[in-house]
């Protein structure tokens, strides 16, 4: 017997976006929604990308502020983030 199709609505997408923005893994998101990780990968790909891009933008903004105040450590981290040579 086939399993009943699961319907995702705007609330699910909002939850996925927020969790991705906070740095949750796809496994954690799948556990929260009580679905398979593969389903998260397939059904929420754009939402995951949006949430993770928002996280990166916020991190760059925070590091830029610190770097402007003279933090060498923030300058190095910002350089790595922008050039893509590190997490």
Foldseek 3Di string as FASTA:
>chain_A
DDDDDDDDDPVLLVVLLQCLLVPHDLVVSCVVVVHDSVCCCPVRVVSNVNSVVNNLVVLLVVLVVVVVVPDPVSVVVNVCSVVVPDD
